[in-house]
């Protein structure tokens, strides 16, 4: 009886879990990160002055209260 119970417990413990089998999509996340950084740089290149003005206005409105 104890041998059967031990075997069942070991079988259950050694069974791969869904999270252990799933490694994820690392190249996909790297691509998303690189593309996001590229978009930020592109937007910043075109709208740097406007973004700076928006940030200064927001900071001034917070500090003046």
Protein backbone atom coordinates (compact mmCIF):
# COMPACT_ATOMS: atom_id res chain seq x y z
CA UNK A 1 0.00 0.00 0.00
CA UNK A 2 2.71 2.51 0.89
CA UNK A 3 4.64 1.64 -2.29
CA UNK A 4 1.56 2.40 -4.36
CA UNK A 5 0.99 5.68 -2.51
CA UNK A 6 4.65 6.65 -2.93
CA UNK A 7 4.51 5.86 -6.64
CA UNK A 8 1.33 7.93 -7.07
CA UNK A 9 2.83 10.88 -5.21
CA UNK A 10 6.03 10.74 -7.24
CA UNK A 11 4.07 10.52 -10.48
CA UNK A 12 2.00 13.52 -9.48
CA UNK A 13 5.06 15.52 -8.32
CA UNK A 14 7.05 14.81 -11.49
CA UNK A 15 4.18 15.66 -13.83
CA UNK A 16 5.03 18.88 -15.72
CA UNK A 17 2.75 21.76 -14.91
CA UNK A 18 1.37 23.98 -17.70
CA UNK A 19 3.51 26.92 -16.51
CA UNK A 20 6.67 24.78 -16.57
CA UNK A 21 6.05 23.65 -20.13
CA UNK A 22 5.22 27.12 -21.39
CA UNK A 23 8.38 29.13 -21.93
CA UNK A 24 6.74 32.14 -23.50
CA UNK A 25 7.51 34.06 -26.64
CA UNK A 26 10.77 35.85 -25.86
CA UNK A 27 11.55 36.99 -29.43
CA UNK A 28 8.04 38.44 -29.67
CA UNK A 29 8.49 40.46 -26.49
CA UNK A 30 11.88 41.68 -27.64
CA UNK A 31 10.34 42.80 -30.94
CA UNK A 32 7.53 44.62 -29.12
CA UNK A 33 10.03 46.37 -26.84
CA UNK A 34 12.27 47.45 -29.73
CA UNK A 35 9.31 48.67 -31.78
CA UNK A 36 7.94 50.64 -28.82
CA UNK A 37 11.31 52.28 -28.26
CA UNK A 38 11.47 53.14 -31.96
CA UNK A 39 8.03 54.73 -31.85
CA UNK A 40 8.98 56.81 -28.82
CA UNK A 41 12.14 58.05 -30.56
CA UNK A 42 10.23 58.83 -33.77
CA UNK A 43 7.48 60.73 -31.96
CA UNK A 44 10.04 62.57 -29.84
CA UNK A 45 11.95 63.63 -32.97
CA UNK A 46 8.85 65.19 -34.53
CA UNK A 47 7.19 66.64 -31.46
CA UNK A 48 9.98 67.42 -28.97
CA UNK A 49 9.07 71.09 -28.57
CA UNK A 50 5.36 70.41 -28.15
CA UNK A 51 5.99 67.59 -25.67
CA UNK A 52 8.34 69.78 -23.65
CA UNK A 53 5.74 72.58 -23.54
CA UNK A 54 3.04 70.14 -22.42
CA UNK A 55 5.31 68.75 -19.69
CA UNK A 56 6.31 72.21 -18.45
CA UNK A 57 2.68 73.35 -18.38
CA UNK A 58 1.65 70.26 -16.42
CA UNK A 59 4.50 70.63 -13.93
CA UNK A 60 3.84 74.33 -13.46
CA UNK A 61 0.16 73.69 -12.83
CA UNK A 62 1.02 71.17 -10.11
CA UNK A 63 3.65 73.32 -8.38
CA UNK A 64 1.53 76.50 -8.46
CA UNK A 65 -1.33 74.96 -6.48
